Amino acid sequence: MKLQGKICGVTDKKTLDYINNHPYPPQFIGFIVNYKKSKRYLKPSKLKDILKNVKKKSYYVAVLVKPTKTDLKNISTLPFDYYQIYNMKPQEIEPIKKKYKKKIIVALTIKNKNDVKKYKSYNNIADILLFDSKGYEKSLSFNHNLIKNLKSKIKIMIAGNIQVDDQLENFVEIADIIDISGGLETSGLKDISKINFFLNNIKKINHEN
């Protein structure tokens, strides 16, 4: 299976245009929808404006931390393919998936092996399992080897302070999708040159594998 990429935390039209029109666009583009602590958070009005851009090959992901009914209603008409949900139990996510008919990325924050084991509870709901750090907006790391021998029929996405110049080919053995956000930024803003490097690198890794 080929390694896929997700660029998260896009906040402006110019960057989104660049990603959408890249020769090797990522499979997923993420937008911070309701987590106001993040510097990448988009107010509803700005989010709607950015998403007026012509959508191409990538899936759009709404990143949601314990979303309220109002949060979900606010984005219900926007062109999202996936809802990436943090801090909700399986029984809370199930009605969201059913009502809004979206694919679900269940985001689990990891510090130790016990945190990893929680994924089993989401096997019947998740379309993708995301293993992230406890840092949320702080771009912290976790020991990625904790999920190295995880056996799941569900696609695995990995995040947690991954940098653009990391040895990304090392993730092929443990994940299907690399989720990168802060690692594509310079001085807190998405850097086109880093995005280009990342997307070309994913293409190169897949060619070599």
C-alpha atoms as a PDB file:
ATOM      1  CA  MET A   1       0.000   0.000   0.000  1.00  0.00           C
ATOM      2  CA  LYS A   2       1.264   3.458  -0.881  1.00  0.00           C
ATOM      3  CA  LEU A   3       2.052   6.002   1.784  1.00  0.00           C
ATOM      4  CA  GLN A   4      -0.443   8.860   1.781  1.00  0.00           C
ATOM      5  CA  GLY A   5      -0.161  12.414   3.062  1.00  0.00           C
ATOM      6  CA  LYS A   6      -2.333  14.844   4.975  1.00  0.00           C
ATOM      7  CA  ILE A   7      -1.566  18.535   5.280  1.00  0.00           C
ATOM      8  CA  CYS A   8      -3.365  19.958   8.270  1.00  0.00           C
ATOM      9  CA  GLY A   9      -4.074  23.432   9.565  1.00  0.00           C
ATOM     10  CA  VAL A  10      -4.479  25.289   6.267  1.00  0.00           C
ATOM     11  CA  THR A  11      -5.652  28.849   6.971  1.00  0.00           C
ATOM     12  CA  ASP A  12      -5.553  30.809   3.722  1.00  0.00           C
ATOM     13  CA  LYS A  13      -6.673  30.629   0.102  1.00  0.00           C
ATOM     14  CA  LYS A  14      -3.216  31.016  -1.391  1.00  0.00           C
ATOM     15  CA  THR A  15      -1.883  27.954   0.413  1.00  0.00           C
ATOM     16  CA  LEU A  16      -4.980  25.930  -0.387  1.00  0.00           C
ATOM     17  CA  ASP A  17      -4.707  26.866  -4.066  1.00  0.00           C
ATOM     18  CA  TYR A  18      -1.077  25.815  -4.114  1.00  0.00           C
ATOM     19  CA  ILE A  19      -1.825  22.447  -2.519  1.00  0.00           C
ATOM     20  CA  ASN A  20      -4.819  21.753  -4.755  1.00  0.00           C
ATOM     21  CA  ASN A  21      -2.846  22.555  -7.898  1.00  0.00           C
ATOM     22  CA  HIS A  22       0.333  20.691  -6.949  1.00  0.00           C
ATOM     23  CA  PRO A  23       1.341  17.870  -9.339  1.00  0.00           C
ATOM     24  CA  TYR A  24       1.235  15.460  -6.378  1.00  0.00           C
ATOM     25  CA  PRO A  25      -1.488  16.780  -4.064  1.00  0.00           C
ATOM     26  CA  PRO A  26      -2.000  15.112  -0.688  1.00  0.00           C
ATOM     27  CA  GLN A  27      -4.874  12.712  -0.197  1.00  0.00           C
ATOM     28  CA  PHE A  28      -6.175  14.834   2.694  1.00  0.00           C
ATOM     29  CA  ILE A  29      -6.270  18.534   3.612  1.00  0.00           C
ATOM     30  CA  GLY A  30      -7.324  19.445   7.149  1.00  0.00           C
ATOM     31  CA  PHE A  31      -8.921  22.580   8.574  1.00  0.00           C
ATOM     32  CA  ILE A  32      -9.216  23.440  12.287  1.00  0.00           C
ATOM     33  CA  VAL A  33     -12.933  24.027  12.676  1.00  0.00           C
ATOM     34  CA  ASN A  34     -13.788  24.458  16.357  1.00  0.00           C
ATOM     35  CA  TYR A  35     -10.623  24.367  18.465  1.00  0.00           C
ATOM     36  CA  LYS A  36     -10.072  28.030  19.297  1.00  0.00           C
ATOM     37  CA  LYS A  37      -6.856  27.417  21.248  1.00  0.00           C
ATOM     38  CA  SER A  38      -5.101  26.589  18.007  1.00  0.00           C
ATOM     39  CA  LYS A  39      -3.429  29.373  16.049  1.00  0.00           C
ATOM     40  CA  ARG A  40      -4.708  27.550  12.967  1.00  0.00           C
ATOM     41  CA  TYR A  41      -8.350  27.840  14.033  1.00  0.00           C
ATOM     42  CA  LEU A  42     -10.650  29.297  11.385  1.00  0.00           C
ATOM     43  CA  LYS A  43     -13.710  31.347  12.275  1.00  0.00           C
ATOM     44  CA  PRO A  44     -16.852  30.093  10.478  1.00  0.00           C
ATOM     45  CA  SER A  45     -16.945  33.070   8.097  1.00  0.00           C
ATOM     46  CA  LYS A  46     -13.304  32.647   7.047  1.00  0.00           C
ATOM     47  CA  LEU A  47     -13.701  28.881   6.761  1.00  0.00           C
ATOM     48  CA  LYS A  48     -16.637  29.288   4.374  1.00  0.00           C
ATOM     49  CA  ASP A  49     -14.685  31.822   2.341  1.00  0.00           C
ATOM     50  CA  ILE A  50     -11.621  29.594   1.989  1.00  0.00           C
ATOM     51  CA  LEU A  51     -13.709  26.585   1.023  1.00  0.00           C
ATOM     52  CA  LYS A  52     -15.178  28.477  -1.926  1.00  0.00           C
ATOM     53  CA  ASN A  53     -11.972  27.557  -3.726  1.00  0.00           C
ATOM     54  CA  VAL A  54     -12.355  24.930  -6.405  1.00  0.00           C
ATOM     55  CA  LYS A  55     -11.958  21.520  -4.820  1.00  0.00           C
ATOM     56  CA  LYS A  56      -9.889  19.014  -6.753  1.00  0.00           C
ATOM     57  CA  LYS A  57      -8.413  15.626  -5.861  1.00  0.00           C
ATOM     58  CA  SER A  58      -7.856  15.887  -2.111  1.00  0.00           C
ATOM     59  CA  TYR A  59     -10.361  14.956   0.578  1.00  0.00           C
ATOM     60  CA  TYR A  60     -11.259  17.824   2.918  1.00  0.00           C
ATOM     61  CA  VAL A  61     -11.140  17.085   6.651  1.00  0.00           C
ATOM     62  CA  ALA A  62     -12.902  19.040   9.404  1.00  0.00           C
ATOM     63  CA  VAL A  63     -10.786  18.781  12.556  1.00  0.00           C
ATOM     64  CA  LEU A  64     -13.104  18.791  15.565  1.00  0.00           C
ATOM     65  CA  VAL A  65     -12.368  18.580  19.282  1.00  0.00           C
ATOM     66  CA  LYS A  66     -15.456  17.332  21.141  1.00  0.00           C
ATOM     67  CA  PRO A  67     -17.807  19.169  18.754  1.00  0.00           C
ATOM     68  CA  THR A  68     -21.127  20.553  19.948  1.00  0.00           C
ATOM     69  CA  LYS A  69     -24.372  20.359  17.990  1.00  0.00           C
ATOM     70  CA  THR A  70     -23.811  23.997  17.010  1.00  0.00           C
ATOM     71  CA  ASP A  71     -20.312  23.238  15.739  1.00  0.00           C
ATOM     72  CA  LEU A  72     -21.643  20.446  13.574  1.00  0.00           C
ATOM     73  CA  LYS A  73     -24.560  22.491  12.291  1.00  0.00           C
ATOM     74  CA  ASN A  74     -22.202  25.333  11.312  1.00  0.00           C
ATOM     75  CA  ILE A  75     -20.214  23.080   8.977  1.00  0.00           C
ATOM     76  CA  SER A  76     -23.001  20.818   7.738  1.00  0.00           C
ATOM     77  CA  THR A  77     -23.204  22.509   4.321  1.00  0.00           C
ATOM     78  CA  LEU A  78     -19.450  22.760   3.752  1.00  0.00           C
ATOM     79  CA  PRO A  79     -17.620  20.364   1.386  1.00  0.00           C
ATOM     80  CA  PHE A  80     -16.023  18.126   3.987  1.00  0.00           C
ATOM     81  CA  ASP A  81     -15.463  14.450   3.230  1.00  0.00           C
ATOM     82  CA  TYR A  82     -14.200  13.466   6.679  1.00  0.00           C
ATOM     83  CA  TYR A  83     -14.759  14.569  10.259  1.00  0.00           C
ATOM     84  CA  GLN A  84     -11.636  14.112  12.383  1.00  0.00           C
ATOM     85  CA  ILE A  85     -12.891  13.865  15.949  1.00  0.00           C
ATOM     86  CA  TYR A  86     -10.976  14.159  19.226  1.00  0.00           C
ATOM     87  CA  ASN A  87     -12.223  13.504  22.767  1.00  0.00           C
ATOM     88  CA  MET A  88     -15.425  11.643  22.058  1.00  0.00           C
ATOM     89  CA  LYS A  89     -16.559   8.162  22.981  1.00  0.00           C
ATOM     90  CA  PRO A  90     -17.715   5.683  20.319  1.00  0.00           C
ATOM     91  CA  GLN A  91     -21.355   6.085  21.320  1.00  0.00           C
ATOM     92  CA  GLU A  92     -21.040   9.862  20.859  1.00  0.00           C
ATOM     93  CA  ILE A  93     -19.461   9.614  17.416  1.00  0.00           C
ATOM     94  CA  GLU A  94     -21.871   7.034  16.006  1.00  0.00           C
ATOM     95  CA  PRO A  95     -24.914   9.369  15.741  1.00  0.00           C
ATOM     96  CA  ILE A  96     -22.721  12.079  14.154  1.00  0.00           C
ATOM     97  CA  LYS A  97     -21.583   9.672  11.461  1.00  0.00           C
ATOM     98  CA  LYS A  98     -25.122   8.538  10.834  1.00  0.00           C
ATOM     99  CA  LYS A  99     -26.685  12.016  10.760  1.00  0.00           C
ATOM    100  CA  TYR A 100     -24.100  13.810   8.636  1.00  0.00           C
ATOM    101  CA  LYS A 101     -23.066  10.853   6.494  1.00  0.00           C
ATOM    102  CA  LYS A 102     -19.377  11.656   6.743  1.00  0.00           C
ATOM    103  CA  LYS A 103     -16.412   9.358   6.984  1.00  0.00           C
ATOM    104  CA  ILE A 104     -14.780   9.483  10.399  1.00  0.00           C
ATOM    105  CA  ILE A 105     -11.165   9.857  11.441  1.00  0.00           C
ATOM    106  CA  VAL A 106     -11.030   8.916  15.113  1.00  0.00           C
ATOM    107  CA  ALA A 107      -8.164  10.836  16.713  1.00  0.00           C
ATOM    108  CA  LEU A 108      -6.528   9.199  19.721  1.00  0.00           C
ATOM    109  CA  THR A 109      -3.928  11.086  21.760  1.00  0.00           C
ATOM    110  CA  ILE A 110      -1.080   8.858  22.852  1.00  0.00           C
ATOM    111  CA  LYS A 111       1.326   8.854  25.766  1.00  0.00           C
ATOM    112  CA  ASN A 112       1.655   5.154  26.556  1.00  0.00           C
ATOM    113  CA  LYS A 113       0.541   1.660  25.485  1.00  0.00           C
ATOM    114  CA  ASN A 114      -2.740   1.939  27.370  1.00  0.00           C
ATOM    115  CA  ASP A 115      -3.703   4.924  25.228  1.00  0.00           C
ATOM    116  CA  VAL A 116      -2.998   2.892  22.097  1.00  0.00           C
ATOM    117  CA  LYS A 117      -5.288   0.059  23.200  1.00  0.00           C
ATOM    118  CA  LYS A 118      -8.283   2.393  23.114  1.00  0.00           C
ATOM    119  CA  TYR A 119      -8.437   2.095  19.337  1.00  0.00           C
ATOM    120  CA  LYS A 120     -10.221  -1.255  19.627  1.00  0.00           C
ATOM    121  CA  SER A 121     -13.338   0.497  20.927  1.00  0.00           C
ATOM    122  CA  TYR A 122     -13.615   2.472  17.682  1.00  0.00           C
ATOM    123  CA  ASN A 123     -13.197  -0.339  15.156  1.00  0.00           C
ATOM    124  CA  ASN A 124     -16.864  -0.263  14.153  1.00  0.00           C
ATOM    125  CA  ILE A 125     -16.993   3.523  13.715  1.00  0.00           C
ATOM    126  CA  ALA A 126     -13.639   4.715  12.399  1.00  0.00           C
ATOM    127  CA  ASP A 127     -12.814   4.832   8.719  1.00  0.00           C
ATOM    128  CA  ILE A 128      -9.304   5.945   9.698  1.00  0.00           C
ATOM    129  CA  LEU A 129      -7.517   5.771  13.061  1.00  0.00           C
ATOM    130  CA  LEU A 130      -5.279   8.744  13.828  1.00  0.00           C
ATOM    131  CA  PHE A 131      -2.612   8.366  16.506  1.00  0.00           C
ATOM    132  CA  ASP A 132      -1.532  11.817  17.688  1.00  0.00           C
ATOM    133  CA  SER A 133       0.323  13.312  20.649  1.00  0.00           C
ATOM    134  CA  LYS A 134      -1.268  14.790  23.756  1.00  0.00           C
ATOM    135  CA  GLY A 135      -0.156  18.234  22.634  1.00  0.00           C
ATOM    136  CA  TYR A 136      -3.024  19.248  20.325  1.00  0.00           C
ATOM    137  CA  GLU A 137      -2.025  22.760  19.189  1.00  0.00           C
ATOM    138  CA  LYS A 138       1.432  22.503  20.832  1.00  0.00           C
ATOM    139  CA  SER A 139       2.943  20.110  18.276  1.00  0.00           C
ATOM    140  CA  LEU A 140       4.289  17.634  20.819  1.00  0.00           C
ATOM    141  CA  SER A 141       5.714  14.234  19.953  1.00  0.00           C
ATOM    142  CA  PHE A 142       4.960  10.712  21.133  1.00  0.00           C
ATOM    143  CA  ASN A 143       6.878   7.482  20.710  1.00  0.00           C
ATOM    144  CA  HIS A 144       5.709   6.280  17.308  1.00  0.00           C
ATOM    145  CA  ASN A 145       7.085   2.805  18.020  1.00  0.00           C
ATOM    146  CA  LEU A 146       4.120   2.310  20.374  1.00  0.00           C
ATOM    147  CA  ILE A 147       1.969   1.559  17.335  1.00  0.00           C
ATOM    148  CA  LYS A 148       4.597  -0.344  15.366  1.00  0.00           C
ATOM    149  CA  ASN A 149       3.024  -3.776  15.801  1.00  0.00           C
ATOM    150  CA  LEU A 150      -0.576  -2.657  15.822  1.00  0.00           C
ATOM    151  CA  LYS A 151      -2.821  -4.940  13.779  1.00  0.00           C
ATOM    152  CA  SER A 152      -5.837  -3.226  12.313  1.00  0.00           C
ATOM    153  CA  LYS A 153      -7.918  -3.575   9.179  1.00  0.00           C
ATOM    154  CA  ILE A 154      -8.562   0.160   9.399  1.00  0.00           C
ATOM    155  CA  LYS A 155      -6.159   2.639   7.823  1.00  0.00           C
ATOM    156  CA  ILE A 156      -3.718   4.181  10.285  1.00  0.00           C
ATOM    157  CA  MET A 157      -2.781   7.857  10.227  1.00  0.00           C
ATOM    158  CA  ILE A 158       0.120   9.152  12.292  1.00  0.00           C
ATOM    159  CA  ALA A 159       0.819  12.658  13.596  1.00  0.00           C
ATOM    160  CA  GLY A 160       2.692  14.242  16.494  1.00  0.00           C
ATOM    161  CA  ASN A 161       5.297  16.875  15.638  1.00  0.00           C
ATOM    162  CA  ILE A 162       6.473  15.183  12.437  1.00  0.00           C
ATOM    163  CA  GLN A 163       8.980  17.387  10.634  1.00  0.00           C
ATOM    164  CA  VAL A 164       9.380  17.772   6.896  1.00  0.00           C
ATOM    165  CA  ASP A 165      13.015  16.649   7.014  1.00  0.00           C
ATOM    166  CA  ASP A 166      12.353  13.544   9.129  1.00  0.00           C
ATOM    167  CA  GLN A 167      13.055  10.164   7.573  1.00  0.00           C
ATOM    168  CA  LEU A 168       9.468   9.761   6.415  1.00  0.00           C
ATOM    169  CA  GLU A 169      10.184   6.434   4.741  1.00  0.00           C
ATOM    170  CA  ASN A 170      10.502   4.977   8.255  1.00  0.00           C
ATOM    171  CA  PHE A 171       6.765   5.463   8.727  1.00  0.00           C
ATOM    172  CA  VAL A 172       5.876   3.079   5.892  1.00  0.00           C
ATOM    173  CA  GLU A 173       6.051   0.107   8.261  1.00  0.00           C
ATOM    174  CA  ILE A 174       3.711   1.566  10.879  1.00  0.00           C
ATOM    175  CA  ALA A 175       1.227   3.848   9.120  1.00  0.00           C
ATOM    176  CA  ASP A 176      -0.717   4.371   5.920  1.00  0.00           C
ATOM    177  CA  ILE A 177      -0.969   8.159   6.179  1.00  0.00           C
ATOM    178  CA  ILE A 178       1.381  10.856   7.498  1.00  0.00           C
ATOM    179  CA  ASP A 179      -0.383  13.879   9.011  1.00  0.00           C
ATOM    180  CA  ILE A 180       1.824  16.961   9.158  1.00  0.00           C
ATOM    181  CA  SER A 181       1.022  20.524  10.189  1.00  0.00           C
ATOM    182  CA  GLY A 182       3.584  22.515  12.173  1.00  0.00           C
ATOM    183  CA  GLY A 183       6.387  20.740  10.327  1.00  0.00           C
ATOM    184  CA  LEU A 184       5.326  22.585   7.174  1.00  0.00           C
ATOM    185  CA  GLU A 185       5.493  26.022   8.769  1.00  0.00           C
ATOM    186  CA  THR A 186       8.052  28.786   9.115  1.00  0.00           C
ATOM    187  CA  SER A 187       7.428  31.396  11.812  1.00  0.00           C
ATOM    188  CA  GLY A 188       3.949  29.967  12.370  1.00  0.00           C
ATOM    189  CA  LEU A 189       2.796  30.135   8.756  1.00  0.00           C
ATOM    190  CA  LYS A 190       2.568  27.424   6.128  1.00  0.00           C
ATOM    191  CA  ASP A 191       5.708  27.478   3.985  1.00  0.00           C
ATOM    192  CA  ILE A 192       5.177  26.708   0.295  1.00  0.00           C
ATOM    193  CA  SER A 193       8.713  25.380  -0.122  1.00  0.00           C
ATOM    194  CA  LYS A 194       8.240  22.914   2.755  1.00  0.00           C
ATOM    195  CA  ILE A 195       4.867  21.811   1.394  1.00  0.00           C
ATOM    196  CA  ASN A 196       6.465  21.197  -1.999  1.00  0.00           C
ATOM    197  CA  PHE A 197       9.297  19.213  -0.410  1.00  0.00           C
ATOM    198  CA  PHE A 198       6.851  17.082   1.585  1.00  0.00           C
ATOM    199  CA  LEU A 199       4.600  16.253  -1.369  1.00  0.00           C
ATOM    200  CA  ASN A 200       7.520  15.439  -3.645  1.00  0.00           C
ATOM    201  CA  ASN A 201       9.070  13.303  -0.914  1.00  0.00           C
ATOM    202  CA  ILE A 202       5.871  11.271  -0.478  1.00  0.00           C
ATOM    203  CA  LYS A 203       5.854  10.699  -4.235  1.00  0.00           C
ATOM    204  CA  LYS A 204       9.506   9.633  -4.137  1.00  0.00           C
ATOM    205  CA  ILE A 205       8.952   7.221  -1.238  1.00  0.00           C
ATOM    206  CA  ASN A 206       6.060   5.559  -3.047  1.00  0.00           C
ATOM    207  CA  HIS A 207       8.104   5.203  -6.191  1.00  0.00           C
ATOM    208  CA  GLU A 208      10.903   3.539  -4.236  1.00  0.00           C
ATOM    209  CA  ASN A 209       8.529   1.204  -2.456  1.00  0.00           C
END
